[in-house]
């Protein structure tokens, strides 16, 4: 039964929970972390760690996607970002970071980011980025918005795309439009594609189930929120209580599994996961993998130079993100961010190592088993 509370006369709201509101409860034998597997598989693609990179230019360059792929994760290129608009992206990002570091006008970095994104899309540049990652022998994933999926996908498939990510702040299986706008019919669009599709974000059981029925191989829960860097709540009033939303999507996955007689759709958490403990809690709530943004942006390989901003920060008329400093001085390698060792006690380094240890302390040997671990809600 849903936990409803009265917020005023005749108006009820559901009580929901963030990842910080819950704790993992070990209740069985422990095991060595060396005996724990963090591998998962989406369609024909196997990954050693349940980590995807948020599709922002602050994080995912072709080189970063290659390195994360070699580490066993999945880097997602922003198909409508700077790598699809400019031939000298790193120089543009360095200029953006200089503005963020030196300009006292807090709006100046976002205004410059919008200016960079106002340049026209150049499909050849995007195809070259895809080819670079593909030639390195790792899985290639690109994010497009629902509005641009029809126009950009053919060139991406021709360039060697492996996984297509159709992602917006909030996405549904049915979009109502008027006039000349031609909404994307996800069900027919996915059916006509030869590559698997990950779609999202969603925040509730019903929308997750609808997206699963379109044929998506994975459903993203959340919109990549991170404290101090994402302003969707302030701009739109929309928030996603990640613990509840992941659990709801996992329930939709079970319902869809029964409905189809065995088709499994992966649940991918995307929001408020900045530590190894948060990653472990997301899996414990039912996620198969998680999208990480700010934690990975601290890596030396990230093009943002120690700064992070979500992909929605560049929206031309309603930006929903700010530039967030995530690292100063000498930055750790991506390998260290993921696998350690770490000298800081807060869970921002050795992310996968922390997940492994949490699974081992709880006695579970793989991710699917770990989804059954006990949980407590903090008072």
Protein backbone atom coordinates (compact mmCIF):
# COMPACT_ATOMS: atom_id res chain seq x y z
CA UNK A 1 0.00 0.00 0.00
CA UNK A 2 1.29 3.46 -0.88
CA UNK A 3 2.07 5.73 2.07
CA UNK A 4 -0.17 8.77 1.56
CA UNK A 5 -0.20 11.83 3.80
CA UNK A 6 -2.61 14.75 3.84
CA UNK A 7 -0.81 17.99 2.96
CA UNK A 8 -3.98 20.10 3.21
CA UNK A 9 -7.74 19.75 3.16
CA UNK A 10 -8.65 17.42 0.29
CA UNK A 11 -5.06 17.14 -0.99
CA UNK A 12 -2.86 14.11 -0.45
CA UNK A 13 0.74 13.40 -1.39
CA UNK A 14 2.77 10.23 -1.41
CA UNK A 15 5.55 9.85 1.13
CA UNK A 16 8.73 9.02 -0.77
CA UNK A 17 12.40 8.43 0.01
CA UNK A 18 15.77 9.57 -1.25
CA UNK A 19 18.83 7.31 -1.20
CA UNK A 20 20.07 9.20 1.87
CA UNK A 21 16.90 8.16 3.70
CA UNK A 22 17.70 4.44 3.60
CA UNK A 23 20.41 2.11 4.87
CA UNK A 24 21.53 -1.32 3.71
CA UNK A 25 21.06 -4.02 6.36
CA UNK A 26 23.43 -7.02 6.17
CA UNK A 27 21.57 -10.07 7.48
CA UNK A 28 23.44 -13.14 6.24
CA UNK A 29 26.97 -14.52 5.98
CA UNK A 30 29.76 -12.29 4.79
CA UNK A 31 32.20 -13.14 2.02
CA UNK A 32 35.45 -11.91 0.56
CA UNK A 33 35.08 -8.95 -1.80
CA UNK A 34 37.32 -10.88 -4.20
CA UNK A 35 34.44 -13.33 -4.66
CA UNK A 36 31.98 -10.60 -5.67
CA UNK A 37 31.05 -9.92 -9.29
CA UNK A 38 29.86 -6.47 -10.40
CA UNK A 39 29.31 -7.57 -14.01
CA UNK A 40 26.03 -7.07 -15.86
CA UNK A 41 24.84 -7.46 -19.42
CA UNK A 42 22.51 -5.33 -21.55
CA UNK A 43 21.38 -7.09 -24.70
CA UNK A 44 24.56 -8.46 -26.31
CA UNK A 45 26.90 -6.14 -24.41
CA UNK A 46 28.62 -7.20 -21.21
CA UNK A 47 30.11 -4.73 -18.73
CA UNK A 48 32.40 -5.47 -15.81
CA UNK A 49 31.08 -2.62 -13.66
CA UNK A 50 27.55 -1.15 -13.37
CA UNK A 51 28.67 2.37 -14.25
CA UNK A 52 27.56 4.62 -17.12
CA UNK A 53 28.86 8.16 -17.56
CA UNK A 54 26.39 11.04 -17.71
CA UNK A 55 26.32 12.37 -21.30
CA UNK A 56 27.83 15.78 -20.65
CA UNK A 57 30.78 17.41 -22.41
CA UNK A 58 32.28 18.07 -18.97
CA UNK A 59 32.83 14.35 -18.69
CA UNK A 60 32.58 12.31 -21.87
CA UNK A 61 35.03 13.03 -24.63
CA UNK A 62 35.82 10.21 -27.07
CA UNK A 63 39.03 9.61 -25.11
CA UNK A 64 37.15 9.43 -21.80
CA UNK A 65 34.59 7.03 -23.29
CA UNK A 66 37.43 4.80 -24.45
CA UNK A 67 39.10 4.80 -21.03
CA UNK A 68 35.83 4.09 -19.17
CA UNK A 69 35.11 1.29 -21.65
CA UNK A 70 38.51 -0.25 -20.90
CA UNK A 71 37.68 -0.04 -17.20
CA UNK A 72 34.51 -2.07 -17.86
CA UNK A 73 31.94 0.73 -17.86
CA UNK A 74 30.07 2.66 -20.54
CA UNK A 75 30.76 6.23 -21.59
CA UNK A 76 27.78 7.96 -23.23
CA UNK A 77 28.63 10.73 -25.71
CA UNK A 78 26.20 13.65 -25.92
CA UNK A 79 25.05 13.48 -29.54
CA UNK A 80 23.89 17.11 -29.36
CA UNK A 81 26.85 18.39 -27.39
CA UNK A 82 30.07 20.13 -28.26
CA UNK A 83 31.70 17.12 -29.91
CA UNK A 84 28.96 17.33 -32.52
CA UNK A 85 29.33 21.10 -33.01
CA UNK A 86 32.99 22.16 -32.81
CA UNK A 87 36.27 20.70 -34.11
CA UNK A 88 38.27 22.21 -31.20
CA UNK A 89 36.15 21.13 -28.24
CA UNK A 90 38.86 21.02 -25.58
CA UNK A 91 39.84 24.63 -26.34
CA UNK A 92 36.19 25.68 -25.98
CA UNK A 93 35.86 23.83 -22.66
CA UNK A 94 39.08 25.37 -21.36
CA UNK A 95 37.67 28.81 -22.18
CA UNK A 96 34.42 27.94 -20.40
CA UNK A 97 36.29 26.77 -17.30
CA UNK A 98 38.36 29.96 -17.28
CA UNK A 99 35.14 31.98 -17.22
CA UNK A 100 33.78 29.88 -14.36
CA UNK A 101 36.98 30.32 -12.36
CA UNK A 102 37.48 34.04 -12.93
CA UNK A 103 34.13 35.70 -13.68
CA UNK A 104 32.18 37.07 -10.74
CA UNK A 105 28.92 36.90 -12.74
CA UNK A 106 27.44 33.53 -11.79
CA UNK A 107 25.36 33.46 -14.98
CA UNK A 108 28.29 34.05 -17.34
CA UNK A 109 29.46 30.40 -17.63
CA UNK A 110 25.98 29.13 -18.53
CA UNK A 111 25.52 31.96 -21.03
CA UNK A 112 28.81 31.02 -22.69
CA UNK A 113 27.81 27.34 -22.67
CA UNK A 114 24.55 28.25 -24.39
CA UNK A 115 26.52 30.21 -26.98
CA UNK A 116 28.72 27.18 -27.68
CA UNK A 117 25.64 24.99 -28.10
CA UNK A 118 24.07 27.49 -30.48
CA UNK A 119 26.55 26.42 -33.16
CA UNK A 120 24.95 24.09 -35.73
CA UNK A 121 25.21 20.34 -35.41
CA UNK A 122 27.78 18.81 -37.73
CA UNK A 123 26.98 15.12 -38.30
CA UNK A 124 30.47 14.47 -39.64
CA UNK A 125 32.04 15.53 -36.34
CA UNK A 126 29.69 13.30 -34.38
CA UNK A 127 30.34 10.37 -36.73
CA UNK A 128 34.08 10.88 -36.27
CA UNK A 129 33.72 10.76 -32.48
CA UNK A 130 31.70 7.54 -32.71
CA UNK A 131 34.25 6.01 -35.07
CA UNK A 132 37.10 6.93 -32.72
CA UNK A 133 35.49 5.09 -29.81
CA UNK A 134 34.49 2.14 -31.96
CA UNK A 135 38.00 1.77 -33.39
CA UNK A 136 39.31 1.47 -29.83
CA UNK A 137 37.29 -1.72 -29.41
CA UNK A 138 34.87 -0.59 -26.70
CA UNK A 139 31.08 -0.33 -26.73
CA UNK A 140 29.83 2.93 -28.29
CA UNK A 141 26.82 4.72 -26.80
CA UNK A 142 25.38 8.10 -27.79
CA UNK A 143 22.64 10.14 -26.15
CA UNK A 144 20.09 12.04 -28.25
CA UNK A 145 17.00 13.96 -27.19
CA UNK A 146 13.55 12.67 -28.20
CA UNK A 147 13.22 15.72 -30.47
CA UNK A 148 16.39 14.87 -32.43
CA UNK A 149 16.29 11.08 -32.39
CA UNK A 150 14.81 10.72 -35.88
CA UNK A 151 17.26 13.08 -37.55
CA UNK A 152 20.48 11.98 -35.83
CA UNK A 153 20.10 8.23 -35.43
CA UNK A 154 20.63 7.12 -39.08
CA UNK A 155 24.07 8.76 -39.23
CA UNK A 156 24.97 7.35 -35.82
CA UNK A 157 24.04 3.81 -36.85
CA UNK A 158 26.03 4.20 -40.06
CA UNK A 159 29.05 5.34 -38.01
CA UNK A 160 28.96 2.17 -35.91
CA UNK A 161 26.78 2.97 -32.91
CA UNK A 162 26.21 0.06 -30.49
CA UNK A 163 23.69 1.51 -28.02
CA UNK A 164 21.34 4.47 -28.47
CA UNK A 165 20.29 6.46 -25.41
CA UNK A 166 17.13 8.57 -25.84
CA UNK A 167 17.08 10.81 -22.83
CA UNK A 168 15.28 13.90 -21.65
CA UNK A 169 14.62 15.39 -18.23
CA UNK A 170 11.31 13.55 -18.20
CA UNK A 171 10.34 11.25 -21.07
CA UNK A 172 7.16 9.32 -21.76
CA UNK A 173 6.03 6.74 -24.27
CA UNK A 174 3.38 9.14 -25.54
CA UNK A 175 3.92 12.85 -26.20
CA UNK A 176 0.91 15.00 -27.09
CA UNK A 177 1.71 17.66 -29.69
CA UNK A 178 -0.10 20.18 -31.87
CA UNK A 179 0.64 21.95 -35.13
CA UNK A 180 3.68 20.98 -37.17
CA UNK A 181 5.46 19.10 -34.39
CA UNK A 182 5.82 15.40 -35.17
CA UNK A 183 6.21 13.56 -31.86
CA UNK A 184 8.50 10.55 -31.61
CA UNK A 185 6.61 7.26 -31.43
CA UNK A 186 9.09 5.28 -29.37
CA UNK A 187 7.48 1.92 -30.02
CA UNK A 188 7.70 2.09 -33.81
CA UNK A 189 11.04 3.91 -33.69
CA UNK A 190 12.66 1.20 -31.55
CA UNK A 191 11.08 -1.60 -33.59
CA UNK A 192 12.68 -0.24 -36.75
CA UNK A 193 16.17 0.01 -35.24
CA UNK A 194 18.87 -2.65 -35.31
CA UNK A 195 20.54 -1.35 -32.13
CA UNK A 196 19.28 -1.58 -28.52
CA UNK A 197 17.76 1.55 -27.00
CA UNK A 198 17.96 2.89 -23.46
CA UNK A 199 15.24 5.45 -22.71
CA UNK A 200 14.45 7.80 -19.86
CA UNK A 201 14.21 9.45 -17.47
CA UNK A 202 11.20 8.32 -15.54
CA UNK A 203 10.15 8.77 -11.95
CA UNK A 204 7.25 6.39 -11.39
CA UNK A 205 5.98 2.84 -11.97
CA UNK A 206 3.46 3.68 -14.69
CA UNK A 207 5.87 5.60 -16.93
CA UNK A 208 8.58 2.98 -16.45
CA UNK A 209 6.17 0.23 -17.49
CA UNK A 210 5.03 2.21 -20.55
CA UNK A 211 8.62 2.69 -21.68
CA UNK A 212 9.35 -0.99 -21.21
CA UNK A 213 6.42 -1.77 -23.48
CA UNK A 214 8.02 0.27 -26.27
CA UNK A 215 10.77 -2.34 -26.56
CA UNK A 216 13.50 -0.40 -24.76
CA UNK A 217 16.34 -2.58 -23.49
CA UNK A 218 16.89 -0.27 -20.52
CA UNK A 219 14.94 2.43 -18.69
CA UNK A 220 16.65 5.36 -16.97
CA UNK A 221 15.24 6.44 -13.60
CA UNK A 222 15.85 10.09 -12.72
CA UNK A 223 17.36 12.99 -14.62
CA UNK A 224 20.92 13.16 -13.32
CA UNK A 225 20.30 15.45 -10.38
CA UNK A 226 23.28 16.38 -8.23
CA UNK A 227 23.25 18.84 -5.35
CA UNK A 228 24.60 22.22 -6.41
CA UNK A 229 24.77 21.30 -10.09
CA UNK A 230 21.23 20.56 -11.23
CA UNK A 231 18.40 23.08 -10.93
CA UNK A 232 15.43 21.19 -12.38
CA UNK A 233 13.66 21.41 -9.03
CA UNK A 234 14.03 25.19 -8.93
CA UNK A 235 13.11 25.68 -12.61
CA UNK A 236 10.33 23.14 -13.11
CA UNK A 237 9.40 22.10 -9.58
CA UNK A 238 10.07 18.48 -10.56
CA UNK A 239 12.06 16.21 -8.27
CA UNK A 240 12.76 12.50 -8.22
CA UNK A 241 12.99 10.68 -4.85
CA UNK A 242 15.55 8.20 -6.12
CA UNK A 243 15.11 5.34 -3.63
CA UNK A 244 11.36 5.22 -4.21
CA UNK A 245 11.63 5.79 -7.96
CA UNK A 246 14.17 2.97 -8.42
CA UNK A 247 12.03 0.59 -6.38
CA UNK A 248 8.95 1.56 -8.43
CA UNK A 249 10.80 0.94 -11.70
CA UNK A 250 12.05 -2.40 -10.39
CA UNK A 251 8.43 -3.33 -9.63
CA UNK A 252 7.50 -2.33 -13.19
CA UNK A 253 10.32 -4.57 -14.43
CA UNK A 254 8.82 -7.52 -12.53
CA UNK A 255 5.36 -6.76 -13.89
CA UNK A 256 6.69 -6.52 -17.44
CA UNK A 257 8.66 -9.74 -16.98
CA UNK A 258 5.42 -11.52 -16.07
CA UNK A 259 3.48 -9.75 -18.81
CA UNK A 260 5.90 -10.84 -21.55
CA UNK A 261 6.78 -14.25 -20.22
CA UNK A 262 10.42 -13.45 -19.56
CA UNK A 263 11.64 -10.24 -21.25
CA UNK A 264 13.95 -8.44 -18.83
CA UNK A 265 14.42 -4.67 -19.07
CA UNK A 266 17.31 -3.10 -17.18
CA UNK A 267 16.71 -0.32 -14.67
CA UNK A 268 19.44 2.33 -14.70
CA UNK A 269 19.54 4.88 -11.87
CA UNK A 270 20.53 8.45 -12.75
CA UNK A 271 20.51 10.96 -9.93
CA UNK A 272 22.04 11.89 -6.56
CA UNK A 273 24.65 9.11 -6.67
CA UNK A 274 27.96 10.69 -5.71
CA UNK A 275 29.57 8.09 -3.42
CA UNK A 276 30.23 4.37 -3.36
CA UNK A 277 27.54 4.05 -0.66
CA UNK A 278 25.03 5.80 -2.91
CA UNK A 279 25.93 3.44 -5.73
CA UNK A 280 25.41 0.45 -3.44
CA UNK A 281 22.04 1.78 -2.26
CA UNK A 282 20.86 2.33 -5.83
CA UNK A 283 21.62 -1.30 -6.69
CA UNK A 284 20.03 -2.46 -3.44
CA UNK A 285 16.82 -0.61 -4.34
CA UNK A 286 16.62 -2.54 -7.62
CA UNK A 287 18.85 -0.81 -10.19
CA UNK A 288 20.98 -2.90 -12.52
CA UNK A 289 23.45 -0.06 -13.10
CA UNK A 290 23.86 3.64 -12.38
CA UNK A 291 24.72 6.78 -14.31
CA UNK A 292 27.46 8.77 -12.58
CA UNK A 293 28.34 12.36 -13.33
CA UNK A 294 30.11 14.55 -10.78
CA UNK A 295 32.13 11.70 -9.17
CA UNK A 296 33.68 10.75 -12.52
CA UNK A 297 34.27 14.40 -13.46
CA UNK A 298 36.95 14.52 -10.77
CA UNK A 299 39.09 12.13 -12.83
CA UNK A 300 42.14 13.44 -14.64
CA UNK A 301 40.81 12.09 -17.95
CA UNK A 302 37.60 14.17 -17.76
CA UNK A 303 37.79 17.15 -20.16
CA UNK A 304 36.05 19.53 -17.72
CA UNK A 305 39.27 20.19 -15.83
CA UNK A 306 37.74 19.56 -12.40
CA UNK A 307 34.38 21.16 -13.23
CA UNK A 308 31.06 19.47 -13.86
CA UNK A 309 27.78 20.51 -15.46
CA UNK A 310 24.82 18.36 -16.55
CA UNK A 311 23.77 18.18 -20.18
CA UNK A 312 20.61 20.18 -19.38
CA UNK A 313 22.73 23.18 -18.40
CA UNK A 314 23.03 24.17 -22.06
CA UNK A 315 19.29 24.35 -22.83
CA UNK A 316 18.82 27.43 -25.06
CA UNK A 317 15.84 28.92 -23.23
CA UNK A 318 15.58 27.18 -19.86
CA UNK A 319 18.94 25.90 -18.57
CA UNK A 320 18.65 23.51 -15.63
CA UNK A 321 22.17 23.23 -14.33
CA UNK A 322 25.16 25.17 -13.12
CA UNK A 323 28.90 24.67 -13.33
CA UNK A 324 30.06 22.84 -10.21
CA UNK A 325 33.70 22.56 -9.08
CA UNK A 326 34.38 18.92 -8.18
CA UNK A 327 38.17 18.74 -7.89
CA UNK A 328 41.10 21.06 -7.39
CA UNK A 329 44.82 20.53 -7.76
CA UNK A 330 46.12 17.18 -8.87
CA UNK A 331 43.22 14.96 -9.89
CA UNK A 332 43.11 11.16 -9.52
CA UNK A 333 43.02 8.90 -12.54
CA UNK A 334 39.75 7.35 -13.62
CA UNK A 335 41.12 3.98 -12.56
CA UNK A 336 41.68 5.31 -9.05
CA UNK A 337 38.24 6.95 -8.90
CA UNK A 338 36.66 3.62 -9.78
CA UNK A 339 38.98 1.09 -8.15
CA UNK A 340 41.10 2.94 -5.61
CA UNK A 341 43.15 3.02 -3.56
CA UNK A 342 41.71 5.90 -1.60
CA UNK A 343 42.95 7.99 1.31
CA UNK A 344 39.70 9.95 1.74
CA UNK A 345 37.00 8.48 4.01
CA UNK A 346 33.86 9.80 2.30
CA UNK A 347 33.29 7.35 -0.56
CA UNK A 348 34.11 9.60 -3.52
CA UNK A 349 37.15 7.51 -4.52
CA UNK A 350 37.15 3.74 -5.09
CA UNK A 351 33.48 3.76 -6.10
CA UNK A 352 33.35 0.22 -7.43
CA UNK A 353 35.55 -1.02 -4.60
CA UNK A 354 33.05 0.38 -2.11
CA UNK A 355 30.20 -1.35 -3.92
CA UNK A 356 32.11 -4.64 -3.86
CA UNK A 357 32.75 -4.35 -0.14
CA UNK A 358 29.11 -3.50 0.60
CA UNK A 359 28.00 -6.57 -1.37
CA UNK A 360 30.58 -8.72 0.43
CA UNK A 361 29.59 -7.45 3.89
CA UNK A 362 25.98 -8.33 3.04
CA UNK A 363 26.92 -11.78 1.76
CA UNK A 364 25.88 -11.40 -1.88
CA UNK A 365 28.02 -12.49 -4.81
CA UNK A 366 26.43 -10.63 -7.74
CA UNK A 367 24.30 -7.60 -8.51
CA UNK A 368 21.02 -9.45 -9.01
CA UNK A 369 21.34 -11.14 -5.62
CA UNK A 370 22.26 -7.85 -3.98
CA UNK A 371 18.91 -6.39 -5.08
CA UNK A 372 17.36 -8.62 -2.38
CA UNK A 373 19.35 -7.13 0.53
CA UNK A 374 17.42 -5.78 3.49
CA UNK A 375 16.81 -2.03 3.80
CA UNK A 376 15.94 0.27 6.68
CA UNK A 377 14.36 3.73 6.50
CA UNK A 378 15.88 6.34 8.75
CA UNK A 379 13.51 7.90 11.22
